[in-house]
N, C-alpha and C. Protein backbone atom coordinates (compact mmCIF):
# COMPACT_ATOMS: atom_id res chain seq x y z
N MET A 1 -80.87 -158.95 173.68
CA MET A 1 -80.76 -157.76 174.50
C MET A 1 -81.99 -156.87 174.26
N THR A 2 -82.50 -156.26 175.31
CA THR A 2 -83.67 -155.40 175.25
C THR A 2 -83.40 -154.15 174.44
N GLU A 3 -84.40 -153.73 173.68
CA GLU A 3 -84.24 -152.50 172.93
C GLU A 3 -84.06 -151.32 173.87
N LEU A 4 -83.30 -150.34 173.43
CA LEU A 4 -83.01 -149.14 174.20
C LEU A 4 -83.87 -148.00 173.68
N LEU A 5 -84.04 -146.98 174.51
CA LEU A 5 -84.81 -145.81 174.13
C LEU A 5 -83.97 -144.56 174.39
N HIS A 6 -84.15 -143.57 173.53
CA HIS A 6 -83.45 -142.30 173.69
C HIS A 6 -84.37 -141.16 173.29
N ILE A 7 -84.46 -140.14 174.13
CA ILE A 7 -85.25 -138.95 173.85
C ILE A 7 -84.36 -137.96 173.11
N ILE A 8 -84.89 -137.42 172.03
CA ILE A 8 -84.12 -136.52 171.18
C ILE A 8 -85.01 -135.36 170.74
N THR A 9 -84.42 -134.21 170.52
CA THR A 9 -85.20 -133.09 169.98
C THR A 9 -85.39 -133.29 168.48
N THR A 10 -86.40 -132.65 167.94
CA THR A 10 -86.62 -132.76 166.49
C THR A 10 -85.43 -132.18 165.74
N VAL A 11 -84.82 -131.12 166.25
CA VAL A 11 -83.64 -130.53 165.62
C VAL A 11 -82.47 -131.51 165.66
N GLY A 12 -82.28 -132.17 166.79
CA GLY A 12 -81.22 -133.17 166.91
C GLY A 12 -81.41 -134.32 165.94
N TRP A 13 -82.66 -134.73 165.74
CA TRP A 13 -82.96 -135.82 164.80
C TRP A 13 -82.66 -135.38 163.36
N GLN A 14 -83.03 -134.16 163.01
CA GLN A 14 -82.73 -133.65 161.68
C GLN A 14 -81.22 -133.60 161.44
N ASP A 15 -80.48 -133.18 162.45
CA ASP A 15 -79.02 -133.15 162.35
C ASP A 15 -78.45 -134.55 162.16
N ALA A 16 -78.95 -135.51 162.93
CA ALA A 16 -78.48 -136.90 162.81
C ALA A 16 -78.74 -137.45 161.42
N GLN A 17 -79.91 -137.15 160.87
CA GLN A 17 -80.23 -137.64 159.53
C GLN A 17 -79.28 -137.05 158.49
N GLY A 18 -78.90 -135.80 158.67
CA GLY A 18 -77.96 -135.18 157.76
C GLY A 18 -76.57 -135.76 157.85
N ARG A 19 -76.17 -136.20 159.04
CA ARG A 19 -74.84 -136.77 159.27
C ARG A 19 -74.77 -138.27 158.99
N GLY A 20 -75.91 -138.94 159.09
CA GLY A 20 -75.93 -140.39 158.95
C GLY A 20 -75.67 -141.13 160.24
N GLU A 21 -75.48 -140.38 161.34
CA GLU A 21 -75.31 -140.96 162.67
C GLU A 21 -75.65 -139.89 163.70
N TYR A 22 -75.87 -140.33 164.92
CA TYR A 22 -76.24 -139.41 165.99
C TYR A 22 -75.08 -139.24 166.95
N ARG A 23 -74.68 -137.98 167.14
CA ARG A 23 -73.59 -137.62 168.04
C ARG A 23 -74.03 -136.45 168.92
N PRO A 24 -74.75 -136.71 170.00
CA PRO A 24 -75.20 -135.61 170.86
C PRO A 24 -74.04 -135.00 171.64
N SER A 25 -74.28 -133.85 172.22
CA SER A 25 -73.24 -133.18 173.01
C SER A 25 -72.77 -134.05 174.18
N SER A 26 -73.64 -134.89 174.71
CA SER A 26 -73.22 -135.74 175.84
C SER A 26 -72.10 -136.71 175.44
N LEU A 27 -72.04 -137.07 174.16
CA LEU A 27 -70.99 -137.98 173.71
C LEU A 27 -69.62 -137.31 173.85
N ILE A 28 -69.56 -136.02 173.58
CA ILE A 28 -68.30 -135.28 173.71
C ILE A 28 -68.04 -134.92 175.17
N GLU A 29 -69.07 -134.43 175.85
CA GLU A 29 -68.90 -133.95 177.22
C GLU A 29 -68.76 -135.06 178.26
N GLU A 30 -69.50 -136.16 178.09
CA GLU A 30 -69.48 -137.23 179.09
C GLU A 30 -68.92 -138.54 178.55
N GLY A 31 -68.80 -138.64 177.22
CA GLY A 31 -68.25 -139.85 176.62
C GLY A 31 -69.27 -140.89 176.22
N PHE A 32 -70.58 -140.59 176.40
CA PHE A 32 -71.59 -141.58 176.06
C PHE A 32 -72.92 -140.91 175.74
N ILE A 33 -73.83 -141.71 175.16
CA ILE A 33 -75.19 -141.28 174.87
C ILE A 33 -76.10 -141.89 175.93
N HIS A 34 -76.86 -141.05 176.60
CA HIS A 34 -77.80 -141.51 177.62
C HIS A 34 -78.97 -142.24 176.96
N CYS A 35 -79.32 -143.39 177.49
CA CYS A 35 -80.49 -144.13 177.03
C CYS A 35 -81.26 -144.62 178.25
N SER A 36 -82.38 -145.24 177.99
CA SER A 36 -83.15 -145.85 179.06
C SER A 36 -83.82 -147.10 178.54
N THR A 37 -84.32 -147.89 179.47
CA THR A 37 -85.15 -149.03 179.12
C THR A 37 -86.59 -148.55 179.10
N GLN A 38 -87.49 -149.38 178.64
CA GLN A 38 -88.90 -149.00 178.62
C GLN A 38 -89.40 -148.72 180.03
N GLU A 39 -88.94 -149.49 181.00
CA GLU A 39 -89.36 -149.30 182.39
C GLU A 39 -88.87 -147.97 182.97
N GLN A 40 -87.76 -147.46 182.48
CA GLN A 40 -87.17 -146.23 183.00
C GLN A 40 -87.66 -144.98 182.27
N LEU A 41 -88.24 -145.15 181.09
CA LEU A 41 -88.53 -144.03 180.19
C LEU A 41 -89.35 -142.91 180.83
N LEU A 42 -90.49 -143.22 181.39
CA LEU A 42 -91.36 -142.16 181.88
C LEU A 42 -90.77 -141.43 183.08
N GLY A 43 -90.02 -142.12 183.90
CA GLY A 43 -89.34 -141.45 185.02
C GLY A 43 -88.35 -140.42 184.51
N VAL A 44 -87.57 -140.80 183.51
CA VAL A 44 -86.60 -139.88 182.91
C VAL A 44 -87.32 -138.72 182.22
N ALA A 45 -88.29 -139.05 181.39
CA ALA A 45 -89.00 -138.02 180.63
C ALA A 45 -89.66 -137.00 181.54
N ASN A 46 -90.34 -137.47 182.57
CA ASN A 46 -91.07 -136.55 183.44
C ASN A 46 -90.17 -135.83 184.42
N ALA A 47 -88.98 -136.32 184.67
CA ALA A 47 -88.03 -135.62 185.53
C ALA A 47 -87.23 -134.57 184.76
N LEU A 48 -86.91 -134.86 183.50
CA LEU A 48 -85.99 -133.99 182.76
C LEU A 48 -86.61 -133.20 181.62
N TYR A 49 -87.77 -133.63 181.11
CA TYR A 49 -88.31 -133.02 179.90
C TYR A 49 -89.73 -132.48 180.06
N THR A 50 -90.25 -132.37 181.27
CA THR A 50 -91.63 -131.93 181.49
C THR A 50 -91.91 -130.63 180.74
N GLY A 51 -92.99 -130.65 179.96
CA GLY A 51 -93.42 -129.47 179.24
C GLY A 51 -92.75 -129.23 177.90
N GLN A 52 -91.69 -129.95 177.60
CA GLN A 52 -91.02 -129.77 176.30
C GLN A 52 -91.84 -130.47 175.21
N THR A 53 -92.01 -129.80 174.09
CA THR A 53 -92.92 -130.33 173.08
C THR A 53 -92.25 -130.77 171.79
N GLU A 54 -91.04 -130.36 171.52
CA GLU A 54 -90.39 -130.70 170.25
C GLU A 54 -89.46 -131.91 170.43
N LEU A 55 -90.06 -133.02 170.89
CA LEU A 55 -89.27 -134.21 171.19
C LEU A 55 -89.74 -135.41 170.38
N LEU A 56 -88.79 -136.30 170.15
CA LEU A 56 -89.05 -137.59 169.53
C LEU A 56 -88.44 -138.65 170.43
N LEU A 57 -88.88 -139.88 170.26
CA LEU A 57 -88.33 -141.00 171.01
C LEU A 57 -87.78 -142.01 170.02
N LEU A 58 -86.50 -142.33 170.17
CA LEU A 58 -85.87 -143.32 169.30
C LEU A 58 -85.91 -144.68 169.98
N GLN A 59 -86.33 -145.69 169.24
CA GLN A 59 -86.26 -147.08 169.70
C GLN A 59 -85.05 -147.67 169.00
N ILE A 60 -84.14 -148.26 169.76
CA ILE A 60 -82.83 -148.66 169.26
C ILE A 60 -82.60 -150.15 169.45
N ASP A 61 -82.10 -150.80 168.40
CA ASP A 61 -81.72 -152.21 168.48
C ASP A 61 -80.25 -152.28 168.86
N PRO A 62 -79.93 -152.67 170.10
CA PRO A 62 -78.53 -152.68 170.54
C PRO A 62 -77.64 -153.64 169.74
N ALA A 63 -78.24 -154.64 169.09
CA ALA A 63 -77.45 -155.58 168.29
C ALA A 63 -76.85 -154.91 167.06
N GLN A 64 -77.38 -153.75 166.68
CA GLN A 64 -76.90 -153.03 165.51
C GLN A 64 -75.87 -151.95 165.87
N ILE A 65 -75.44 -151.91 167.11
CA ILE A 65 -74.49 -150.89 167.57
C ILE A 65 -73.13 -151.54 167.77
N THR A 66 -72.11 -150.96 167.17
CA THR A 66 -70.77 -151.51 167.32
C THR A 66 -70.05 -150.93 168.54
N ALA A 67 -70.47 -149.76 169.02
CA ALA A 67 -69.87 -149.15 170.21
C ALA A 67 -70.25 -149.95 171.45
N GLU A 68 -69.46 -149.80 172.48
CA GLU A 68 -69.75 -150.49 173.74
C GLU A 68 -71.00 -149.91 174.40
N ILE A 69 -71.83 -150.77 174.95
CA ILE A 69 -73.00 -150.38 175.72
C ILE A 69 -72.78 -150.85 177.14
N LYS A 70 -72.84 -149.91 178.08
CA LYS A 70 -72.66 -150.24 179.49
C LYS A 70 -73.90 -149.83 180.26
N TYR A 71 -74.29 -150.67 181.21
CA TYR A 71 -75.37 -150.33 182.13
C TYR A 71 -74.72 -149.82 183.40
N GLU A 72 -75.00 -148.56 183.75
CA GLU A 72 -74.31 -147.91 184.85
C GLU A 72 -75.26 -147.08 185.71
N ASP A 73 -74.91 -146.97 186.97
CA ASP A 73 -75.61 -146.08 187.89
C ASP A 73 -74.68 -144.91 188.15
N CYS A 74 -74.66 -143.97 187.21
CA CYS A 74 -73.74 -142.84 187.29
C CYS A 74 -74.20 -141.77 188.29
N TYR A 75 -75.44 -141.83 188.70
CA TYR A 75 -75.99 -140.76 189.52
C TYR A 75 -76.46 -141.24 190.88
N GLU A 76 -76.01 -142.42 191.27
CA GLU A 76 -76.37 -143.02 192.55
C GLU A 76 -77.89 -143.04 192.76
N SER A 77 -78.60 -143.39 191.69
CA SER A 77 -80.05 -143.45 191.73
C SER A 77 -80.56 -144.84 192.11
N GLY A 78 -79.65 -145.82 192.09
CA GLY A 78 -80.06 -147.19 192.34
C GLY A 78 -80.54 -147.90 191.08
N GLN A 79 -80.51 -147.20 189.94
CA GLN A 79 -80.93 -147.79 188.67
C GLN A 79 -79.75 -147.87 187.72
N MET A 80 -79.71 -148.94 186.96
CA MET A 80 -78.66 -149.13 185.97
C MET A 80 -79.19 -148.66 184.62
N PHE A 81 -78.67 -147.54 184.14
CA PHE A 81 -79.11 -146.98 182.86
C PHE A 81 -78.16 -147.38 181.75
N PRO A 82 -78.69 -147.69 180.56
CA PRO A 82 -77.83 -148.02 179.43
C PRO A 82 -77.20 -146.77 178.83
N HIS A 83 -75.89 -146.87 178.57
CA HIS A 83 -75.13 -145.79 177.94
C HIS A 83 -74.40 -146.35 176.73
N ILE A 84 -74.45 -145.62 175.63
CA ILE A 84 -73.76 -146.01 174.40
C ILE A 84 -72.47 -145.21 174.31
N TYR A 85 -71.33 -145.88 174.30
CA TYR A 85 -70.03 -145.23 174.29
C TYR A 85 -69.49 -145.05 172.87
N GLY A 86 -70.25 -144.34 172.07
CA GLY A 86 -69.86 -144.05 170.69
C GLY A 86 -71.06 -143.50 169.96
N PRO A 87 -70.87 -143.10 168.71
CA PRO A 87 -72.00 -142.58 167.94
C PRO A 87 -73.04 -143.64 167.68
N LEU A 88 -74.27 -143.19 167.50
CA LEU A 88 -75.38 -144.09 167.23
C LEU A 88 -75.63 -144.13 165.73
N PRO A 89 -75.39 -145.28 165.09
CA PRO A 89 -75.65 -145.38 163.64
C PRO A 89 -77.16 -145.41 163.38
N LEU A 90 -77.59 -144.69 162.38
CA LEU A 90 -79.03 -144.61 162.10
C LEU A 90 -79.68 -145.96 161.80
N PRO A 91 -78.99 -146.92 161.16
CA PRO A 91 -79.63 -148.22 160.95
C PRO A 91 -80.00 -148.97 162.24
N ALA A 92 -79.43 -148.57 163.37
CA ALA A 92 -79.76 -149.20 164.65
C ALA A 92 -81.10 -148.71 165.20
N ILE A 93 -81.64 -147.64 164.62
CA ILE A 93 -82.90 -147.08 165.09
C ILE A 93 -84.04 -147.81 164.38
N THR A 94 -84.84 -148.52 165.17
CA THR A 94 -85.91 -149.34 164.59
C THR A 94 -87.21 -148.58 164.42
N ARG A 95 -87.46 -147.59 165.28
CA ARG A 95 -88.68 -146.77 165.19
C ARG A 95 -88.41 -145.40 165.77
N VAL A 96 -89.15 -144.43 165.25
CA VAL A 96 -89.12 -143.06 165.79
C VAL A 96 -90.56 -142.68 166.13
N PHE A 97 -90.78 -142.32 167.38
CA PHE A 97 -92.11 -141.95 167.87
C PHE A 97 -92.17 -140.44 168.12
N ASN A 98 -93.30 -139.82 167.81
CA ASN A 98 -93.55 -138.48 168.32
C ASN A 98 -93.68 -138.62 169.82
N PHE A 99 -93.05 -137.73 170.56
CA PHE A 99 -93.06 -137.85 172.02
C PHE A 99 -93.44 -136.49 172.60
N ARG A 100 -94.73 -136.30 172.75
CA ARG A 100 -95.28 -135.03 173.22
C ARG A 100 -95.93 -135.23 174.58
N PRO A 101 -95.82 -134.22 175.43
CA PRO A 101 -96.48 -134.33 176.74
C PRO A 101 -97.98 -134.13 176.63
N ASP A 102 -98.69 -134.53 177.68
CA ASP A 102 -100.13 -134.30 177.74
C ASP A 102 -100.38 -132.82 178.06
N PRO A 103 -101.62 -132.38 178.14
CA PRO A 103 -101.89 -130.96 178.41
C PRO A 103 -101.31 -130.43 179.72
N ASN A 104 -101.01 -131.33 180.65
CA ASN A 104 -100.41 -130.92 181.92
C ASN A 104 -98.88 -130.90 181.87
N GLY A 105 -98.31 -131.25 180.71
CA GLY A 105 -96.85 -131.22 180.56
C GLY A 105 -96.15 -132.52 180.86
N PHE A 106 -96.90 -133.58 181.15
CA PHE A 106 -96.29 -134.86 181.51
C PHE A 106 -96.39 -135.86 180.36
N PHE A 107 -95.49 -136.81 180.37
CA PHE A 107 -95.40 -137.80 179.31
C PHE A 107 -96.07 -139.11 179.70
N THR A 108 -96.61 -139.78 178.69
CA THR A 108 -97.14 -141.13 178.83
C THR A 108 -96.47 -141.98 177.74
N MET A 109 -96.59 -143.27 177.88
CA MET A 109 -95.99 -144.19 176.92
C MET A 109 -96.60 -143.99 175.54
N PRO A 110 -95.77 -143.83 174.52
CA PRO A 110 -96.33 -143.67 173.16
C PRO A 110 -97.09 -144.92 172.70
N ASP A 111 -98.15 -144.71 171.94
CA ASP A 111 -98.87 -145.83 171.36
C ASP A 111 -97.94 -146.64 170.48
N GLY A 112 -98.01 -147.95 170.60
CA GLY A 112 -97.20 -148.83 169.75
C GLY A 112 -95.85 -149.19 170.33
N LEU A 113 -95.49 -148.63 171.47
CA LEU A 113 -94.21 -148.98 172.08
C LEU A 113 -94.43 -150.17 173.00
N GLY A 114 -93.58 -151.15 172.84
CA GLY A 114 -93.68 -152.29 173.75
C GLY A 114 -94.03 -153.57 173.10
């Protein structure tokens, strides 16, 4: 299975490290953690996070997740996005990238991803 990606704030990452797992507000409010594939990443980042600077990108090994992972088109976008239906255990995170926008506020693929 292809590795998943998740954009997280630096504060959210610090909180996850303190808890030993990641439980964003979307898990409580929507029942899942939003993720993307490498092909979907920049579209999501530039649509939802333009100009935000305190972000990290988590690379996730889905084989290390015990919760259900579903690919769904929840927003009628025509794309199937991966969603994790449970907390994300920290051992499933294979890499953490600094994820900062360029001077114009837009994101590019981090070096070393892929």
